[in-house]
Amino acid sequence: MARRWAVAVAFGPEILRSKLEDAPRVTFGTLELSGRFRIKPAMEVSLGLRGGGAARGDLSTGGLYADFRYRFRPDQPLDVYGQVGLGVISVAGKNASDVEKKGRGALRLGAGVEWRFAPLFGVAFELRFVGIGENAEVPTPIAPSLDWEMSRYGVSGTELALDTSFYF
């Protein structure tokens, strides 16, 4: 456990949908930059900034997560881990008001597989399930839109991420 710190970049698709009945799924491309610290060989904490844009339309997402990972095979070339994270996330149109862009509480649960192909570098594939709280302060417009639904109501979905890490 000589290398306790890491910097990671993760990117991949995220599919979100509001909790309204028959709400459409919206696909985002996301990028996350995080710093990690290993408390013990099997336990790791991280803090990450993330952002992304919708494949269609003007929706965007951004926020901050604090994650905890438990590694089942620490210090092995091929490792499996589980993670839980709490964060503050915004999902809104690019031209939305400050109230609509307000950050909301978020929870994500996931699992991943990491391959450490060198002492300093690793590549991981992660699957995460995301839940984002609602924003009751968003007023109801005359003509509700998808942007409004995603800003106002709770949102849930899945993320797939390819994660590259540098350990030091």
Protein backbone atom coordinates (compact mmCIF):
# COMPACT_ATOMS: atom_id res chain seq x y z
CA MET A 1 0.00 0.00 0.00
CA ALA A 2 2.85 2.35 -0.83
CA ARG A 3 0.66 4.36 -3.22
CA ARG A 4 -2.25 5.71 -1.19
CA TRP A 5 -3.27 8.62 -3.42
CA ALA A 6 -4.76 8.60 -6.91
CA VAL A 7 -6.10 11.01 -9.49
CA ALA A 8 -8.74 9.61 -11.84
CA VAL A 9 -10.62 10.65 -14.97
CA ALA A 10 -13.84 8.82 -15.84
CA PHE A 11 -16.08 9.25 -18.86
CA GLY A 12 -19.09 7.51 -20.30
CA PRO A 13 -22.83 7.58 -20.89
CA GLU A 14 -25.46 8.31 -18.25
CA ILE A 15 -29.16 7.66 -18.83
CA LEU A 16 -31.57 9.63 -16.62
CA ARG A 17 -35.32 9.95 -16.45
CA SER A 18 -37.61 12.01 -14.23
CA LYS A 19 -39.95 10.21 -11.88
CA LEU A 20 -43.05 11.26 -13.83
CA GLU A 21 -45.02 8.46 -15.44
CA ASP A 22 -44.01 7.86 -19.09
CA ALA A 23 -41.11 10.32 -18.84
CA PRO A 24 -38.55 9.88 -21.63
CA ARG A 25 -35.01 8.70 -20.96
CA VAL A 26 -32.30 11.28 -21.62
CA THR A 27 -28.77 10.17 -22.51
CA PHE A 28 -25.86 12.31 -21.32
CA GLY A 29 -22.16 12.14 -22.06
CA THR A 30 -20.31 12.71 -18.77
CA LEU A 31 -16.79 13.44 -17.56
CA GLU A 32 -15.62 13.17 -13.94
CA LEU A 33 -12.32 14.18 -12.34
CA SER A 34 -11.64 12.82 -8.85
CA GLY A 35 -8.99 12.60 -6.17
CA ARG A 36 -8.80 9.43 -4.07
CA PHE A 37 -7.19 8.35 -0.81
CA ARG A 38 -6.84 4.77 0.47
CA ILE A 39 -7.52 4.66 4.20
CA LYS A 40 -6.66 0.95 4.38
CA PRO A 41 -5.80 -1.44 1.55
CA ALA A 42 -9.49 -2.33 1.07
CA MET A 43 -11.06 1.09 1.84
CA GLU A 44 -10.90 4.20 -0.31
CA VAL A 45 -12.56 7.62 -0.20
CA SER A 46 -12.79 10.09 -3.07
CA LEU A 47 -14.05 13.51 -4.00
CA GLY A 48 -15.06 14.12 -7.60
CA LEU A 49 -16.34 16.90 -9.86
CA ARG A 50 -18.50 15.86 -12.77
CA GLY A 51 -20.32 17.39 -15.69
CA GLY A 52 -22.04 16.42 -18.89
CA GLY A 53 -24.40 17.34 -21.67
CA ALA A 54 -27.40 15.64 -23.22
CA ALA A 55 -26.99 13.88 -26.55
CA ARG A 56 -30.07 15.81 -27.79
CA GLY A 57 -31.49 19.07 -26.51
CA ASP A 58 -29.92 21.60 -24.19
CA LEU A 59 -29.96 19.71 -20.87
CA SER A 60 -26.74 19.55 -18.88
CA THR A 61 -25.68 18.01 -15.60
CA GLY A 62 -22.96 18.85 -13.12
CA GLY A 63 -22.04 18.43 -9.51
CA LEU A 64 -19.87 17.03 -6.78
CA TYR A 65 -19.73 13.52 -5.26
CA ALA A 66 -18.01 12.09 -2.17
CA ASP A 67 -17.57 8.33 -2.64
CA PHE A 68 -16.54 5.37 -0.51
CA ARG A 69 -15.17 2.22 -2.16
CA TYR A 70 -14.58 -1.19 -0.70
CA ARG A 71 -12.03 -3.23 -2.66
CA PHE A 72 -12.41 -7.00 -2.44
CA ARG A 73 -8.96 -7.77 -3.92
CA PRO A 74 -6.77 -4.84 -2.88
CA ASP A 75 -3.28 -4.67 -4.36
CA GLN A 76 -4.06 -7.38 -6.93
CA PRO A 77 -3.73 -6.69 -10.67
CA LEU A 78 -7.45 -7.43 -11.16
CA ASP A 79 -9.69 -5.94 -8.46
CA VAL A 80 -13.46 -5.91 -7.89
CA TYR A 81 -15.05 -3.20 -5.76
CA GLY A 82 -18.35 -1.77 -4.59
CA GLN A 83 -19.01 1.91 -4.05
CA VAL A 84 -21.52 4.28 -2.49
CA GLY A 85 -21.55 8.03 -2.98
CA LEU A 86 -23.40 11.10 -1.76
CA GLY A 87 -23.42 14.31 -3.74
CA VAL A 88 -25.01 17.49 -4.94
CA ILE A 89 -26.09 17.38 -8.60
CA SER A 90 -27.89 19.75 -10.95
CA VAL A 91 -29.85 18.63 -14.03
CA ALA A 92 -31.28 21.54 -16.00
CA GLY A 93 -31.42 23.27 -19.36
CA LYS A 94 -28.41 25.39 -20.28
CA ASN A 95 -30.52 28.58 -20.21
CA ALA A 96 -32.44 27.67 -17.04
CA SER A 97 -32.91 30.03 -14.09
CA ASP A 98 -30.78 29.80 -10.95
CA VAL A 99 -33.69 28.10 -9.15
CA GLU A 100 -33.86 25.40 -11.85
CA LYS A 101 -30.07 24.90 -11.78
CA LYS A 102 -30.00 24.54 -8.00
CA GLY A 103 -28.07 21.48 -6.80
CA ARG A 104 -30.07 18.58 -5.34
CA GLY A 105 -29.06 15.75 -3.07
CA ALA A 106 -27.93 12.61 -4.88
CA LEU A 107 -27.07 9.02 -4.03
CA ARG A 108 -25.20 6.60 -6.26
CA LEU A 109 -24.45 2.92 -5.75
CA GLY A 110 -22.17 0.97 -8.01
CA ALA A 111 -19.63 -1.73 -8.66
CA GLY A 112 -16.54 -1.91 -10.79
CA VAL A 113 -13.62 -3.97 -12.02
CA GLU A 114 -10.14 -2.43 -12.15
CA TRP A 115 -7.07 -3.72 -13.94
CA ARG A 116 -3.79 -2.34 -12.58
CA PHE A 117 -1.49 -2.95 -15.56
CA ALA A 118 1.43 -1.05 -13.99
CA PRO A 119 2.23 0.07 -10.43
CA LEU A 120 1.18 3.63 -11.26
CA PHE A 121 -1.73 3.11 -13.68
CA GLY A 122 -5.13 1.43 -13.66
CA VAL A 123 -8.18 1.18 -15.90
CA ALA A 124 -11.63 0.41 -14.51
CA PHE A 125 -15.13 -0.22 -15.83
CA GLU A 126 -17.97 0.84 -13.52
CA LEU A 127 -21.75 0.47 -13.44
CA ARG A 128 -23.56 2.91 -11.14
CA PHE A 129 -27.19 3.47 -10.20
CA VAL A 130 -28.12 7.09 -9.49
CA GLY A 131 -30.96 8.79 -7.63
CA ILE A 132 -31.32 12.59 -7.52
CA GLY A 133 -33.82 14.39 -5.28
CA GLU A 134 -36.53 16.75 -6.46
CA ASN A 135 -36.43 20.55 -6.45
CA ALA A 136 -39.81 21.72 -5.14
CA GLU A 137 -38.83 25.40 -5.58
CA VAL A 138 -39.12 25.23 -9.38
CA PRO A 139 -42.40 26.95 -10.37
CA THR A 140 -44.83 25.27 -12.77
CA PRO A 141 -44.69 26.90 -16.22
CA ILE A 142 -47.66 27.44 -18.52
CA ALA A 143 -46.31 24.81 -20.94
CA PRO A 144 -44.26 22.15 -19.09
CA SER A 145 -41.22 20.84 -20.99
CA LEU A 146 -38.68 18.05 -20.62
CA ASP A 147 -36.15 20.57 -19.26
CA TRP A 148 -38.66 21.62 -16.59
CA GLU A 149 -39.46 17.98 -15.65
CA MET A 150 -35.76 17.15 -15.20
CA SER A 151 -35.21 20.33 -13.11
CA ARG A 152 -38.29 19.92 -10.92
CA TYR A 153 -38.82 16.23 -10.20
CA GLY A 154 -36.64 13.50 -8.77
CA VAL A 155 -34.43 11.82 -11.36
CA SER A 156 -32.97 8.31 -11.49
CA GLY A 157 -30.88 6.33 -13.90
CA THR A 158 -27.69 4.44 -14.64
CA GLU A 159 -24.13 5.36 -15.52
CA LEU A 160 -21.44 3.39 -17.29
CA ALA A 161 -17.93 4.74 -16.85
CA LEU A 162 -14.47 3.98 -18.14
CA ASP A 163 -12.10 5.18 -15.43
CA THR A 164 -8.36 5.75 -15.79
CA SER A 165 -6.31 6.23 -12.61
CA PHE A 166 -2.81 7.44 -11.80
CA TYR A 167 -1.54 6.23 -8.40
CA PHE A 168 1.16 8.01 -6.39
